Amino acid sequence: MRSSPVRAARSRRALRGAVVGLALVLALAGCTRSGSGAAVVDGTSISVSDLNRALTELGPVYQGATPPALLRALILGPTFLDVAAKYGAGISDTQAVDSLKQAYAAQTLTPPQSFGPGAITVVRFLLANDALTPLPKASEAFAEAEVRAKLLHVEVSPRFGTLDVGTLEIVPLTHAWIVNGTPSAS
């Protein structure tokens, strides 16, 4: 018969293995859930599916509809739209949808049955920018929007890069361990 200390040691190893296994499962599950997020802005998530839908809906009619550009607009849009409305350049969802339908018609394309919230936010952002630019207090409004945007707590998925707080642009991440270019022949 085995002694009690041997059984106790095996029990501790089994328990330790179970705890490590559980921790690994939970970590992987956490990665899976967070992998569906493109960014989080002050606690509000922007999903990859919303970003992809906006890309699908805007790509055919807007030059420059790239994931970084659209993600930037989705991150900064709500803040910028608040400031634009304050200065008299607010844009409604209806105005954005009408603009999208016109853009599709101009390209002789059939628009989707409905547009997602991401595409609508991006178009509202673009239209508000156009409406704000000619106003007498435009520079004051843009400065206020920039200051407010720089105060946002933004976490961008590494898949898309990072938000450069100085320029408010999405920039790709660079890692020292990734070699860019082709290796030289020695």
N, C-alpha and C. Protein backbone atom coordinates (compact mmCIF):
# COMPACT_ATOMS: atom_id res chain seq x y z
N MET A 1 0.83 -1.18 0.00
CA MET A 1 0.00 0.00 0.00
C MET A 1 0.88 1.24 0.00
N ARG A 2 0.43 2.25 -0.72
CA ARG A 2 1.21 3.48 -0.83
C ARG A 2 1.03 4.33 0.42
N SER A 3 2.07 5.05 0.69
CA SER A 3 2.02 5.92 1.86
C SER A 3 1.20 7.16 1.57
N SER A 4 0.74 7.75 2.58
CA SER A 4 -0.08 8.95 2.49
C SER A 4 0.66 10.12 1.85
N PRO A 5 1.95 10.35 2.10
CA PRO A 5 2.65 11.47 1.47
C PRO A 5 2.71 11.33 -0.05
N VAL A 6 2.84 10.12 -0.57
CA VAL A 6 2.89 9.92 -2.01
C VAL A 6 1.55 10.30 -2.63
N ARG A 7 0.45 9.83 -2.01
CA ARG A 7 -0.88 10.19 -2.51
C ARG A 7 -1.11 11.69 -2.44
N ALA A 8 -0.66 12.32 -1.39
CA ALA A 8 -0.82 13.77 -1.23
C ALA A 8 -0.06 14.52 -2.33
N ALA A 9 1.16 14.05 -2.65
CA ALA A 9 1.95 14.70 -3.69
C ALA A 9 1.27 14.55 -5.05
N ARG A 10 0.75 13.36 -5.33
CA ARG A 10 0.04 13.16 -6.60
C ARG A 10 -1.23 14.01 -6.67
N SER A 11 -1.91 14.13 -5.57
CA SER A 11 -3.12 14.95 -5.52
C SER A 11 -2.78 16.41 -5.79
N ARG A 12 -1.67 16.88 -5.19
CA ARG A 12 -1.27 18.28 -5.42
C ARG A 12 -0.89 18.50 -6.88
N ARG A 13 -0.18 17.55 -7.48
CA ARG A 13 0.19 17.67 -8.90
C ARG A 13 -1.06 17.65 -9.78
N ALA A 14 -1.99 16.79 -9.47
CA ALA A 14 -3.23 16.71 -10.25
C ALA A 14 -4.02 18.01 -10.13
N LEU A 15 -4.09 18.53 -8.92
CA LEU A 15 -4.80 19.79 -8.70
C LEU A 15 -4.11 20.93 -9.44
N ARG A 16 -2.78 20.96 -9.35
CA ARG A 16 -2.02 22.00 -10.04
C ARG A 16 -2.26 21.90 -11.55
N GLY A 17 -2.23 20.69 -12.09
CA GLY A 17 -2.49 20.49 -13.52
C GLY A 17 -3.88 20.95 -13.91
N ALA A 18 -4.86 20.65 -13.07
CA ALA A 18 -6.23 21.07 -13.35
C ALA A 18 -6.35 22.59 -13.34
N VAL A 19 -5.69 23.23 -12.38
CA VAL A 19 -5.73 24.70 -12.28
C VAL A 19 -5.06 25.33 -13.50
N VAL A 20 -3.89 24.80 -13.89
CA VAL A 20 -3.19 25.33 -15.07
C VAL A 20 -4.05 25.12 -16.32
N GLY A 21 -4.66 23.94 -16.45
CA GLY A 21 -5.53 23.68 -17.60
C GLY A 21 -6.71 24.61 -17.64
N LEU A 22 -7.34 24.85 -16.48
CA LEU A 22 -8.47 25.77 -16.41
C LEU A 22 -8.04 27.18 -16.77
N ALA A 23 -6.88 27.61 -16.28
CA ALA A 23 -6.38 28.95 -16.59
C ALA A 23 -6.14 29.10 -18.09
N LEU A 24 -5.58 28.06 -18.71
CA LEU A 24 -5.34 28.09 -20.15
C LEU A 24 -6.65 28.18 -20.93
N VAL A 25 -7.63 27.38 -20.55
CA VAL A 25 -8.94 27.42 -21.22
C VAL A 25 -9.56 28.81 -21.09
N LEU A 26 -9.52 29.38 -19.89
CA LEU A 26 -10.09 30.71 -19.69
C LEU A 26 -9.34 31.77 -20.48
N ALA A 27 -8.02 31.67 -20.56
CA ALA A 27 -7.23 32.64 -21.33
C ALA A 27 -7.57 32.55 -22.80
N LEU A 28 -7.66 31.34 -23.31
CA LEU A 28 -8.00 31.17 -24.72
C LEU A 28 -9.42 31.64 -25.01
N ALA A 29 -10.33 31.40 -24.11
CA ALA A 29 -11.71 31.87 -24.28
C ALA A 29 -11.74 33.39 -24.29
N GLY A 30 -10.94 34.01 -23.45
CA GLY A 30 -10.87 35.46 -23.41
C GLY A 30 -10.33 36.02 -24.71
N CYS A 31 -9.34 35.35 -25.28
CA CYS A 31 -8.78 35.80 -26.55
C CYS A 31 -9.82 35.70 -27.65
N THR A 32 -10.60 34.65 -27.63
CA THR A 32 -11.62 34.48 -28.66
C THR A 32 -12.65 35.59 -28.59
N ARG A 33 -13.11 35.94 -27.39
CA ARG A 33 -14.11 36.99 -27.27
C ARG A 33 -13.53 38.33 -27.69
N SER A 34 -12.33 38.68 -27.22
CA SER A 34 -11.77 39.97 -27.53
C SER A 34 -11.36 40.06 -28.99
N GLY A 35 -11.16 38.91 -29.66
CA GLY A 35 -10.80 38.92 -31.06
C GLY A 35 -11.92 39.44 -31.94
N SER A 36 -13.13 39.54 -31.43
CA SER A 36 -14.24 40.03 -32.23
C SER A 36 -14.37 41.54 -32.14
N GLY A 37 -13.50 42.18 -31.36
CA GLY A 37 -13.56 43.62 -31.21
C GLY A 37 -12.47 44.31 -32.01
N ALA A 38 -12.84 45.36 -32.74
CA ALA A 38 -11.86 46.15 -33.48
C ALA A 38 -11.27 47.22 -32.56
N ALA A 39 -12.11 47.77 -31.69
CA ALA A 39 -11.66 48.81 -30.76
C ALA A 39 -12.68 48.96 -29.65
N VAL A 40 -12.23 49.58 -28.56
CA VAL A 40 -13.10 49.95 -27.45
C VAL A 40 -12.83 51.42 -27.17
N VAL A 41 -13.90 52.21 -27.17
CA VAL A 41 -13.79 53.65 -26.95
C VAL A 41 -14.60 54.00 -25.71
N ASP A 42 -13.91 54.41 -24.67
CA ASP A 42 -14.55 54.74 -23.40
C ASP A 42 -15.56 53.67 -22.97
N GLY A 43 -15.17 52.41 -23.13
CA GLY A 43 -16.01 51.30 -22.70
C GLY A 43 -17.01 50.81 -23.74
N THR A 44 -17.14 51.49 -24.86
CA THR A 44 -18.06 51.09 -25.92
C THR A 44 -17.29 50.36 -27.01
N SER A 45 -17.72 49.13 -27.32
CA SER A 45 -17.02 48.31 -28.31
C SER A 45 -17.42 48.64 -29.74
N ILE A 46 -16.45 48.55 -30.62
CA ILE A 46 -16.68 48.60 -32.06
C ILE A 46 -16.29 47.22 -32.56
N SER A 47 -17.25 46.46 -33.04
CA SER A 47 -16.98 45.08 -33.43
C SER A 47 -16.34 45.01 -34.82
N VAL A 48 -15.61 43.93 -35.03
CA VAL A 48 -15.02 43.68 -36.33
C VAL A 48 -16.12 43.50 -37.37
N SER A 49 -17.22 42.88 -36.98
CA SER A 49 -18.31 42.68 -37.94
C SER A 49 -18.94 44.01 -38.36
N ASP A 50 -19.07 44.96 -37.41
CA ASP A 50 -19.58 46.30 -37.79
C ASP A 50 -18.61 47.00 -38.72
N LEU A 51 -17.32 46.89 -38.43
CA LEU A 51 -16.30 47.50 -39.29
C LEU A 51 -16.33 46.87 -40.68
N ASN A 52 -16.40 45.54 -40.74
CA ASN A 52 -16.44 44.86 -42.04
C ASN A 52 -17.70 45.21 -42.82
N ARG A 53 -18.83 45.32 -42.13
CA ARG A 53 -20.07 45.69 -42.82
C ARG A 53 -19.96 47.09 -43.38
N ALA A 54 -19.40 48.02 -42.60
CA ALA A 54 -19.21 49.39 -43.09
C ALA A 54 -18.29 49.39 -44.31
N LEU A 55 -17.25 48.58 -44.27
CA LEU A 55 -16.32 48.48 -45.40
C LEU A 55 -17.03 47.95 -46.65
N THR A 56 -17.87 46.95 -46.46
CA THR A 56 -18.62 46.36 -47.58
C THR A 56 -19.60 47.39 -48.16
N GLU A 57 -20.26 48.14 -47.30
CA GLU A 57 -21.28 49.10 -47.76
C GLU A 57 -20.68 50.37 -48.34
N LEU A 58 -19.54 50.80 -47.82
CA LEU A 58 -18.94 52.06 -48.27
C LEU A 58 -17.90 51.87 -49.37
N GLY A 59 -17.26 50.70 -49.41
CA GLY A 59 -16.21 50.44 -50.39
C GLY A 59 -16.58 50.74 -51.83
N PRO A 60 -17.77 50.34 -52.28
CA PRO A 60 -18.12 50.58 -53.68
C PRO A 60 -18.33 52.06 -54.04
N VAL A 61 -18.58 52.91 -53.06
CA VAL A 61 -18.95 54.29 -53.39
C VAL A 61 -18.03 55.36 -52.80
N TYR A 62 -17.11 54.99 -51.93
CA TYR A 62 -16.23 55.98 -51.31
C TYR A 62 -14.77 55.55 -51.47
N GLN A 63 -14.00 56.37 -52.19
CA GLN A 63 -12.57 56.11 -52.27
C GLN A 63 -11.99 56.28 -50.87
N GLY A 64 -11.03 55.52 -50.56
CA GLY A 64 -10.41 55.64 -49.25
C GLY A 64 -11.12 54.88 -48.16
N ALA A 65 -12.09 54.05 -48.52
CA ALA A 65 -12.80 53.24 -47.52
C ALA A 65 -11.93 52.03 -47.18
N THR A 66 -10.97 52.27 -46.30
CA THR A 66 -10.06 51.21 -45.85
C THR A 66 -10.36 50.92 -44.38
N PRO A 67 -9.99 49.74 -43.91
CA PRO A 67 -10.24 49.45 -42.48
C PRO A 67 -9.67 50.52 -41.53
N PRO A 68 -8.41 50.98 -41.70
CA PRO A 68 -7.93 52.01 -40.77
C PRO A 68 -8.73 53.32 -40.84
N ALA A 69 -9.07 53.74 -42.05
CA ALA A 69 -9.82 55.00 -42.21
C ALA A 69 -11.21 54.89 -41.59
N LEU A 70 -11.89 53.77 -41.84
CA LEU A 70 -13.23 53.60 -41.30
C LEU A 70 -13.20 53.42 -39.78
N LEU A 71 -12.21 52.68 -39.28
CA LEU A 71 -12.10 52.50 -37.83
C LEU A 71 -11.84 53.84 -37.16
N ARG A 72 -11.00 54.66 -37.75
CA ARG A 72 -10.74 56.00 -37.21
C ARG A 72 -12.04 56.80 -37.15
N ALA A 73 -12.83 56.76 -38.22
CA ALA A 73 -14.10 57.49 -38.24
C ALA A 73 -15.07 56.95 -37.20
N LEU A 74 -15.07 55.63 -37.00
CA LEU A 74 -15.96 55.04 -35.99
C LEU A 74 -15.52 55.39 -34.58
N ILE A 75 -14.21 55.51 -34.37
CA ILE A 75 -13.68 55.88 -33.06
C ILE A 75 -13.97 57.34 -32.76
N LEU A 76 -13.67 58.21 -33.70
CA LEU A 76 -13.78 59.66 -33.48
C LEU A 76 -15.16 60.21 -33.79
N GLY A 77 -15.95 59.47 -34.57
CA GLY A 77 -17.24 59.96 -35.05
C GLY A 77 -18.17 60.50 -33.99
N PRO A 78 -18.50 59.74 -32.97
CA PRO A 78 -19.46 60.25 -31.98
C PRO A 78 -19.01 61.56 -31.31
N THR A 79 -17.73 61.66 -31.00
CA THR A 79 -17.22 62.89 -30.38
C THR A 79 -17.30 64.05 -31.36
N PHE A 80 -16.85 63.81 -32.58
CA PHE A 80 -16.88 64.86 -33.60
C PHE A 80 -18.31 65.29 -33.91
N LEU A 81 -19.22 64.32 -33.97
CA LEU A 81 -20.62 64.65 -34.28
C LEU A 81 -21.26 65.49 -33.17
N ASP A 82 -20.90 65.24 -31.91
CA ASP A 82 -21.38 66.07 -30.80
C ASP A 82 -20.93 67.52 -30.97
N VAL A 83 -19.66 67.68 -31.30
CA VAL A 83 -19.11 69.03 -31.48
C VAL A 83 -19.74 69.70 -32.70
N ALA A 84 -19.88 68.97 -33.79
CA ALA A 84 -20.48 69.54 -35.00
C ALA A 84 -21.91 70.01 -34.73
N ALA A 85 -22.68 69.22 -34.00
CA ALA A 85 -24.06 69.61 -33.66
C ALA A 85 -24.06 70.88 -32.82
N LYS A 86 -23.13 70.98 -31.89
CA LYS A 86 -23.03 72.17 -31.03
C LYS A 86 -22.80 73.43 -31.86
N TYR A 87 -22.08 73.30 -32.97
CA TYR A 87 -21.76 74.45 -33.82
C TYR A 87 -22.72 74.59 -35.01
N GLY A 88 -23.82 73.84 -34.99
CA GLY A 88 -24.84 73.99 -36.02
C GLY A 88 -24.60 73.17 -37.28
N ALA A 89 -23.75 72.16 -37.21
CA ALA A 89 -23.47 71.35 -38.39
C ALA A 89 -23.84 69.88 -38.15
N GLY A 90 -24.86 69.66 -37.35
CA GLY A 90 -25.29 68.29 -37.05
C GLY A 90 -25.89 67.62 -38.28
N ILE A 91 -25.68 66.34 -38.38
CA ILE A 91 -26.19 65.54 -39.49
C ILE A 91 -26.98 64.37 -38.91
N SER A 92 -28.17 64.14 -39.45
CA SER A 92 -29.02 63.06 -38.96
C SER A 92 -28.71 61.75 -39.68
N ASP A 93 -29.19 60.65 -39.10
CA ASP A 93 -29.07 59.35 -39.75
C ASP A 93 -29.77 59.37 -41.11
N THR A 94 -30.91 60.01 -41.17
CA THR A 94 -31.68 60.08 -42.43
C THR A 94 -30.87 60.78 -43.52
N GLN A 95 -30.22 61.89 -43.16
CA GLN A 95 -29.38 62.60 -44.14
C GLN A 95 -28.24 61.70 -44.61
N ALA A 96 -27.65 60.94 -43.70
CA ALA A 96 -26.55 60.04 -44.07
C ALA A 96 -27.04 58.94 -45.02
N VAL A 97 -28.18 58.34 -44.71
CA VAL A 97 -28.73 57.27 -45.56
C VAL A 97 -29.08 57.83 -46.94
N ASP A 98 -29.69 59.02 -46.98
CA ASP A 98 -30.01 59.64 -48.27
C ASP A 98 -28.74 59.88 -49.09
N SER A 99 -27.68 60.33 -48.44
CA SER A 99 -26.41 60.56 -49.12
C SER A 99 -25.82 59.25 -49.66
N LEU A 100 -25.93 58.19 -48.86
CA LEU A 100 -25.45 56.88 -49.32
C LEU A 100 -26.24 56.41 -50.54
N LYS A 101 -27.55 56.55 -50.49
CA LYS A 101 -28.38 56.13 -51.62
C LYS A 101 -28.02 56.93 -52.88
N GLN A 102 -27.77 58.22 -52.72
CA GLN A 102 -27.36 59.05 -53.86
C GLN A 102 -26.00 58.60 -54.41
N ALA A 103 -25.09 58.25 -53.51
CA ALA A 103 -23.76 57.79 -53.95
C ALA A 103 -23.88 56.49 -54.74
N TYR A 104 -24.73 55.58 -54.29
CA TYR A 104 -24.95 54.33 -55.02
C TYR A 104 -25.60 54.62 -56.38
N ALA A 105 -26.57 55.52 -56.40
CA ALA A 105 -27.25 55.86 -57.65
C ALA A 105 -26.27 56.49 -58.64
N ALA A 106 -25.39 57.35 -58.16
CA ALA A 106 -24.41 58.00 -59.03
C ALA A 106 -23.46 56.98 -59.65
N GLN A 107 -23.21 55.88 -58.99
CA GLN A 107 -22.35 54.81 -59.52
C GLN A 107 -23.16 53.74 -60.25
N THR A 108 -24.46 53.99 -60.38
CA THR A 108 -25.42 53.04 -60.95
C THR A 108 -25.29 51.65 -60.31
N LEU A 109 -25.23 51.67 -58.98
CA LEU A 109 -25.17 50.44 -58.19
C LEU A 109 -26.45 50.31 -57.37
N THR A 110 -26.81 49.09 -57.06
CA THR A 110 -27.97 48.85 -56.22
C THR A 110 -27.53 48.89 -54.76
N PRO A 111 -28.14 49.77 -53.98
CA PRO A 111 -27.74 49.85 -52.56
C PRO A 111 -28.28 48.66 -51.79
N PRO A 112 -27.69 48.36 -50.63
CA PRO A 112 -28.24 47.30 -49.79
C PRO A 112 -29.64 47.68 -49.30
N GLN A 113 -30.39 46.70 -48.82
CA GLN A 113 -31.74 46.97 -48.29
C GLN A 113 -31.70 47.99 -47.17
N SER A 114 -30.67 47.88 -46.33
CA SER A 114 -30.49 48.85 -45.24
C SER A 114 -29.00 49.01 -45.01
N PHE A 115 -28.63 50.10 -44.40
CA PHE A 115 -27.23 50.36 -44.09
C PHE A 115 -27.02 50.16 -42.59
N GLY A 116 -25.87 49.60 -42.26
CA GLY A 116 -25.54 49.35 -40.87
C GLY A 116 -25.16 50.62 -40.13
N PRO A 117 -25.15 50.55 -38.81
CA PRO A 117 -24.82 51.72 -38.01
C PRO A 117 -23.41 52.24 -38.25
N GLY A 118 -22.47 51.35 -38.59
CA GLY A 118 -21.11 51.78 -38.87
C GLY A 118 -21.04 52.68 -40.09
N ALA A 119 -21.66 52.24 -41.19
CA ALA A 119 -21.66 53.04 -42.41
C ALA A 119 -22.35 54.38 -42.18
N ILE A 120 -23.44 54.36 -41.45
CA ILE A 120 -24.17 55.60 -41.18
C ILE A 120 -23.32 56.56 -40.35
N THR A 121 -22.63 56.05 -39.34
CA THR A 121 -21.77 56.90 -38.52
C THR A 121 -20.65 57.51 -39.35
N VAL A 122 -20.03 56.71 -40.20
CA VAL A 122 -18.94 57.22 -41.04
C VAL A 122 -19.45 58.32 -41.97
N VAL A 123 -20.59 58.10 -42.60
CA VAL A 123 -21.12 59.11 -43.53
C VAL A 123 -21.56 60.36 -42.77
N ARG A 124 -22.15 60.20 -41.61
CA ARG A 124 -22.49 61.38 -40.78
C ARG A 124 -21.22 62.16 -40.45
N PHE A 125 -20.16 61.46 -40.11
CA PHE A 125 -18.87 62.07 -39.81
C PHE A 125 -18.37 62.89 -41.02
N LEU A 126 -18.41 62.29 -42.20
CA LEU A 126 -17.94 62.97 -43.41
C LEU A 126 -18.81 64.17 -43.76
N LEU A 127 -20.13 64.00 -43.68
CA LEU A 127 -21.04 65.10 -44.00
C LEU A 127 -20.93 66.24 -42.98
N ALA A 128 -20.76 65.90 -41.72
CA ALA A 128 -20.60 66.94 -40.68
C ALA A 128 -19.31 67.72 -40.90
N ASN A 129 -18.26 67.02 -41.30
CA ASN A 129 -17.00 67.69 -41.62
C ASN A 129 -17.21 68.69 -42.76
N ASP A 130 -17.91 68.26 -43.81
CA ASP A 130 -18.19 69.15 -44.94
C ASP A 130 -19.08 70.33 -44.53
N ALA A 131 -20.06 70.09 -43.66
CA ALA A 131 -20.97 71.15 -43.23
C ALA A 131 -20.27 72.13 -42.29
N LEU A 132 -19.34 71.64 -41.52
CA LEU A 132 -18.65 72.48 -40.53
C LEU A 132 -17.57 73.35 -41.16
N THR A 133 -16.91 72.85 -42.17
CA THR A 133 -15.76 73.54 -42.77
C THR A 133 -16.02 74.98 -43.17
N PRO A 134 -17.13 75.33 -43.84
CA PRO A 134 -17.31 76.72 -44.25
C PRO A 134 -17.83 77.66 -43.15
N LEU A 135 -18.17 77.13 -42.00
CA LEU A 135 -18.74 77.98 -40.95
C LEU A 135 -17.69 78.91 -40.35
N PRO A 136 -18.11 80.11 -39.89
CA PRO A 136 -17.15 81.07 -39.34
C PRO A 136 -16.34 80.54 -38.15
N LYS A 137 -16.92 79.68 -37.34
CA LYS A 137 -16.22 79.15 -36.17
C LYS A 137 -15.70 77.73 -36.40
N ALA A 138 -15.43 77.40 -37.66
CA ALA A 138 -14.98 76.04 -37.99
C ALA A 138 -13.67 75.71 -37.28
N SER A 139 -12.71 76.61 -37.30
CA SER A 139 -11.41 76.29 -36.68
C SER A 139 -11.57 76.06 -35.18
N GLU A 140 -12.45 76.82 -34.54
CA GLU A 140 -12.72 76.64 -33.11
C GLU A 140 -13.37 75.27 -32.87
N ALA A 141 -14.29 74.89 -33.74
CA ALA A 141 -14.98 73.61 -33.61
C ALA A 141 -14.02 72.44 -33.82
N PHE A 142 -13.18 72.53 -34.85
CA PHE A 142 -12.22 71.46 -35.10
C PHE A 142 -11.23 71.32 -33.95
N ALA A 143 -10.79 72.45 -33.40
CA ALA A 143 -9.88 72.41 -32.25
C ALA A 143 -10.54 71.76 -31.04
N GLU A 144 -11.81 72.09 -30.79
CA GLU A 144 -12.54 71.48 -29.68
C GLU A 144 -12.70 69.98 -29.88
N ALA A 145 -13.03 69.59 -31.10
CA ALA A 145 -13.20 68.16 -31.41
C ALA A 145 -11.88 67.41 -31.21
N GLU A 146 -10.78 68.02 -31.61
CA GLU A 146 -9.48 67.38 -31.45
C GLU A 146 -9.12 67.21 -29.97
N VAL A 147 -9.34 68.25 -29.19
CA VAL A 147 -9.04 68.18 -27.76
C VAL A 147 -9.89 67.08 -27.11
N ARG A 148 -11.16 67.04 -27.43
CA ARG A 148 -12.04 66.02 -26.84
C ARG A 148 -11.65 64.62 -27.29
N ALA A 149 -11.26 64.48 -28.57
CA ALA A 149 -10.87 63.17 -29.10
C ALA A 149 -9.61 62.66 -28.41
N LYS A 150 -8.69 63.56 -28.10
CA LYS A 150 -7.45 63.15 -27.45
C LYS A 150 -7.67 62.73 -26.00
N LEU A 151 -8.82 63.06 -25.44
CA LEU A 151 -9.15 62.66 -24.08
C LEU A 151 -9.86 61.31 -24.00
N LEU A 152 -10.24 60.77 -25.16
CA LEU A 152 -10.91 59.48 -25.19
C LEU A 152 -9.95 58.38 -24.76
N HIS A 153 -10.49 57.38 -24.08
CA HIS A 153 -9.71 56.19 -23.74
C HIS A 153 -9.99 55.17 -24.84
N VAL A 154 -9.01 54.97 -25.72
CA VAL A 154 -9.20 54.12 -26.90
C VAL A 154 -8.23 52.94 -26.84
N GLU A 155 -8.78 51.75 -27.03
CA GLU A 155 -7.98 50.54 -27.16
C GLU A 155 -8.31 49.94 -28.52
N VAL A 156 -7.32 49.90 -29.40
CA VAL A 156 -7.49 49.34 -30.74
C VAL A 156 -6.92 47.93 -30.74
N SER A 157 -7.62 47.00 -31.37
CA SER A 157 -7.11 45.64 -31.50
C SER A 157 -5.79 45.70 -32.26
N PRO A 158 -4.77 44.98 -31.78
CA PRO A 158 -3.48 44.98 -32.48
C PRO A 158 -3.60 44.56 -33.94
N ARG A 159 -4.65 43.84 -34.25
CA ARG A 159 -4.90 43.43 -35.64
C ARG A 159 -5.01 44.64 -36.57
N PHE A 160 -5.50 45.76 -36.03
CA PHE A 160 -5.72 46.96 -36.84
C PHE A 160 -4.67 48.03 -36.60
N GLY A 161 -3.87 47.89 -35.57
CA GLY A 161 -2.83 48.88 -35.28
C GLY A 161 -3.09 49.55 -33.96
N THR A 162 -2.81 50.84 -33.91
CA THR A 162 -3.01 51.63 -32.70
C THR A 162 -3.42 53.04 -33.11
N LEU A 163 -4.09 53.72 -32.22
CA LEU A 163 -4.47 55.11 -32.49
C LEU A 163 -3.34 56.00 -32.01
N ASP A 164 -2.73 56.73 -32.94
CA ASP A 164 -1.69 57.70 -32.60
C ASP A 164 -2.39 58.92 -32.03
N VAL A 165 -2.19 59.18 -30.74
CA VAL A 165 -2.91 60.26 -30.07
C VAL A 165 -2.49 61.62 -30.62
N GLY A 166 -1.28 61.74 -31.12
CA GLY A 166 -0.83 63.02 -31.68
C GLY A 166 -1.52 63.38 -32.99
N THR A 167 -1.67 62.38 -33.87
CA THR A 167 -2.26 62.65 -35.19
C THR A 167 -3.70 62.18 -35.30
N LEU A 168 -4.16 61.40 -34.32
CA LEU A 168 -5.49 60.78 -34.34
C LEU A 168 -5.69 59.92 -35.59
N GLU A 169 -4.63 59.23 -35.97
CA GLU A 169 -4.67 58.30 -37.10
C GLU A 169 -4.42 56.89 -36.59
N ILE A 170 -4.97 55.91 -37.29
CA ILE A 170 -4.69 54.51 -36.98
C ILE A 170 -3.40 54.16 -37.71
N VAL A 171 -2.41 53.71 -36.95
CA VAL A 171 -1.12 53.34 -37.53
C VAL A 171 -0.84 51.87 -37.21
N PRO A 172 -0.19 51.18 -38.14
CA PRO A 172 0.12 49.77 -37.88
C PRO A 172 1.13 49.64 -36.74
N LEU A 173 1.02 48.55 -36.02
CA LEU A 173 1.99 48.26 -34.97
C LEU A 173 3.26 47.71 -35.59
N THR A 174 4.38 48.07 -35.03
CA THR A 174 5.64 47.49 -35.47
C THR A 174 6.25 46.77 -34.28
N HIS A 175 6.84 45.66 -34.55
CA HIS A 175 7.46 44.86 -33.51
C HIS A 175 8.92 44.63 -33.89
N ALA A 176 9.81 44.76 -32.93
CA ALA A 176 11.24 44.58 -33.17
C ALA A 176 11.56 43.18 -33.69
N TRP A 177 10.74 42.20 -33.32
CA TRP A 177 11.01 40.83 -33.72
C TRP A 177 10.49 40.48 -35.11
N ILE A 178 9.81 41.42 -35.78
CA ILE A 178 9.34 41.19 -37.14
C ILE A 178 10.31 41.89 -38.09
N VAL A 179 10.86 41.13 -39.02
CA VAL A 179 11.81 41.68 -39.97
C VAL A 179 11.06 42.10 -41.21
N ASN A 180 11.21 43.36 -41.60
CA ASN A 180 10.57 43.86 -42.81
C ASN A 180 11.57 43.78 -43.96
N GLY A 181 11.07 43.57 -45.14
CA GLY A 181 11.95 43.51 -46.31
C GLY A 181 12.41 42.09 -46.58
N THR A 182 13.31 41.96 -47.52
CA THR A 182 13.82 40.65 -47.88
C THR A 182 15.19 40.45 -47.27
N PRO A 183 15.51 39.23 -46.89
CA PRO A 183 16.83 38.98 -46.31
C PRO A 183 17.92 39.16 -47.35
N SER A 184 19.06 39.64 -46.91
CA SER A 184 20.18 39.82 -47.83
C SER A 184 20.93 38.51 -47.99
N ALA A 185 21.46 38.32 -49.18
CA ALA A 185 22.23 37.10 -49.45
C ALA A 185 23.64 37.31 -48.94
N SER A 186 24.13 36.38 -48.18
CA SER A 186 25.50 36.51 -47.64
C SER A 186 26.44 35.59 -48.34
